[in-house]
Protein backbone atom coordinates (compact mmCIF):
# COMPACT_ATOMS: atom_id res chain seq x y z
CA UNK A 1 19.46 -6.87 27.64
CA UNK A 2 22.90 -8.17 26.36
CA UNK A 3 21.91 -11.65 27.59
CA UNK A 4 18.86 -11.73 25.59
CA UNK A 5 20.06 -10.39 22.44
CA UNK A 6 23.14 -12.79 22.72
CA UNK A 7 21.09 -15.60 23.30
CA UNK A 8 18.82 -15.06 20.26
CA UNK A 9 21.99 -14.41 17.94
CA UNK A 10 23.45 -17.68 18.99
CA UNK A 11 20.20 -19.53 18.36
CA UNK A 12 19.85 -18.20 14.83
CA UNK A 13 23.40 -18.79 14.04
CA UNK A 14 23.25 -22.21 15.34
CA UNK A 15 20.08 -23.17 13.63
CA UNK A 16 21.18 -21.71 10.15
CA UNK A 17 24.61 -23.88 10.70
CA UNK A 18 22.68 -26.86 11.84
CA UNK A 19 20.36 -26.77 8.80
CA UNK A 20 23.18 -26.09 6.48
CA UNK A 21 25.20 -29.04 7.88
CA UNK A 22 22.17 -31.47 7.74
CA UNK A 23 21.38 -30.42 4.02
CA UNK A 24 25.01 -31.00 2.67
CA UNK A 25 25.31 -34.07 4.92
CA UNK A 26 22.14 -35.55 3.00
CA UNK A 27 23.69 -34.36 -0.17
CA UNK A 28 27.00 -36.31 0.31
CA UNK A 29 24.98 -39.40 1.30
CA UNK A 30 22.86 -39.34 -1.67
CA UNK A 31 26.06 -38.82 -3.76
CA UNK A 32 27.65 -41.80 -1.68
CA UNK A 33 30.39 -39.30 -0.77
CA UNK A 34 30.17 -40.25 2.93
CA UNK A 35 34.13 -39.29 3.73
CA UNK A 36 32.91 -35.72 3.43
CA UNK A 37 30.76 -35.91 6.62
CA UNK A 38 33.81 -36.07 8.76
CA UNK A 39 34.57 -32.43 8.38
CA UNK A 40 30.98 -31.74 9.25
CA UNK A 41 31.08 -34.10 12.42
CA UNK A 42 34.28 -32.23 13.56
CA UNK A 43 32.83 -28.80 13.17
CA UNK A 44 29.62 -29.87 14.57
CA UNK A 45 31.32 -31.60 17.40
CA UNK A 46 33.09 -28.20 18.18
CA UNK A 47 29.87 -26.39 17.96
CA UNK A 48 28.36 -28.71 20.55
CA UNK A 49 31.33 -28.05 22.83
CA UNK A 50 30.62 -24.28 22.49
CA UNK A 51 27.08 -24.56 22.98
CA UNK A 52 27.67 -26.74 26.04
CA UNK A 53 29.65 -23.80 27.57
CA UNK A 54 26.89 -21.48 26.70
CA UNK A 55 24.55 -23.83 28.33
CA UNK A 56 26.55 -23.70 31.73
CA UNK A 57 26.75 -19.89 31.52
CA UNK A 58 23.19 -19.73 30.82
CA UNK A 59 21.91 -22.38 33.31
CA UNK A 60 22.16 -20.16 36.36
CA UNK A 61 21.20 -16.62 36.54
CA UNK A 62 24.27 -15.91 38.71
CA UNK A 63 26.41 -16.91 35.86
CA UNK A 64 24.55 -14.79 33.59
CA UNK A 65 24.92 -11.73 35.57
CA UNK A 66 28.61 -12.45 36.06
CA UNK A 67 29.09 -12.66 32.19
CA UNK A 68 26.51 -10.38 30.83
CA UNK A 69 25.12 -8.21 33.69
CA UNK A 70 21.82 -9.18 32.44
CA UNK A 71 19.66 -12.19 32.75
CA UNK A 72 17.49 -14.33 30.75
CA UNK A 73 15.14 -16.95 32.06
CA UNK A 74 13.99 -19.28 29.45
CA UNK A 75 16.84 -21.24 27.92
CA UNK A 76 14.97 -23.95 26.15
CA UNK A 77 15.84 -23.31 22.40
CA UNK A 78 19.61 -23.57 23.33
CA UNK A 79 19.02 -26.98 24.90
CA UNK A 80 16.87 -28.20 22.00
CA UNK A 81 19.76 -26.87 19.52
CA UNK A 82 22.44 -28.40 21.82
CA UNK A 83 20.77 -31.85 21.59
CA UNK A 84 20.10 -31.59 17.75
CA UNK A 85 23.95 -30.83 17.42
CA UNK A 86 24.58 -33.90 19.34
CA UNK A 87 22.42 -36.10 17.32
CA UNK A 88 23.70 -34.47 14.24
CA UNK A 89 27.28 -35.34 15.07
CA UNK A 90 26.74 -38.88 15.95
CA UNK A 91 24.68 -39.33 12.81
CA UNK A 92 27.74 -37.69 10.70
CA UNK A 93 30.23 -39.70 12.56
CA UNK A 94 28.38 -43.16 12.09
CA UNK A 95 27.58 -42.25 8.37
CA UNK A 96 30.79 -40.95 7.47
CA UNK A 97 32.68 -44.42 7.20
CA UNK A 98 33.34 -45.50 3.50
CA UNK A 99 33.11 -48.94 2.33
CA UNK A 100 36.61 -50.22 1.11
CA UNK A 101 36.72 -52.36 -1.94
CA UNK A 102 37.61 -55.78 -1.67
CA UNK A 103 40.89 -57.03 -2.78
CA UNK A 104 41.05 -59.50 -5.61
């Protein structure tokens, strides 16, 4: 039971943070403040690492039983969120560079 509740709490929290990060990234890109994307890229990279660790735990039922003393069989949403964070981090990294003014 705990593995299921914890899984859905993580999915909800990661989804909300991913949406928040994407919305603010688009706002900063619209204002041409691309340098602000770096902090989101760093936080999203750390989130990707945390989701990767959770994926390792949830990938086998023996790991789940060891950590949570309960099991969940379908972890598709965790994989989708994990891939989304990887793509979002790459997006923020690429668009985080700012153009420098040419010297006269």
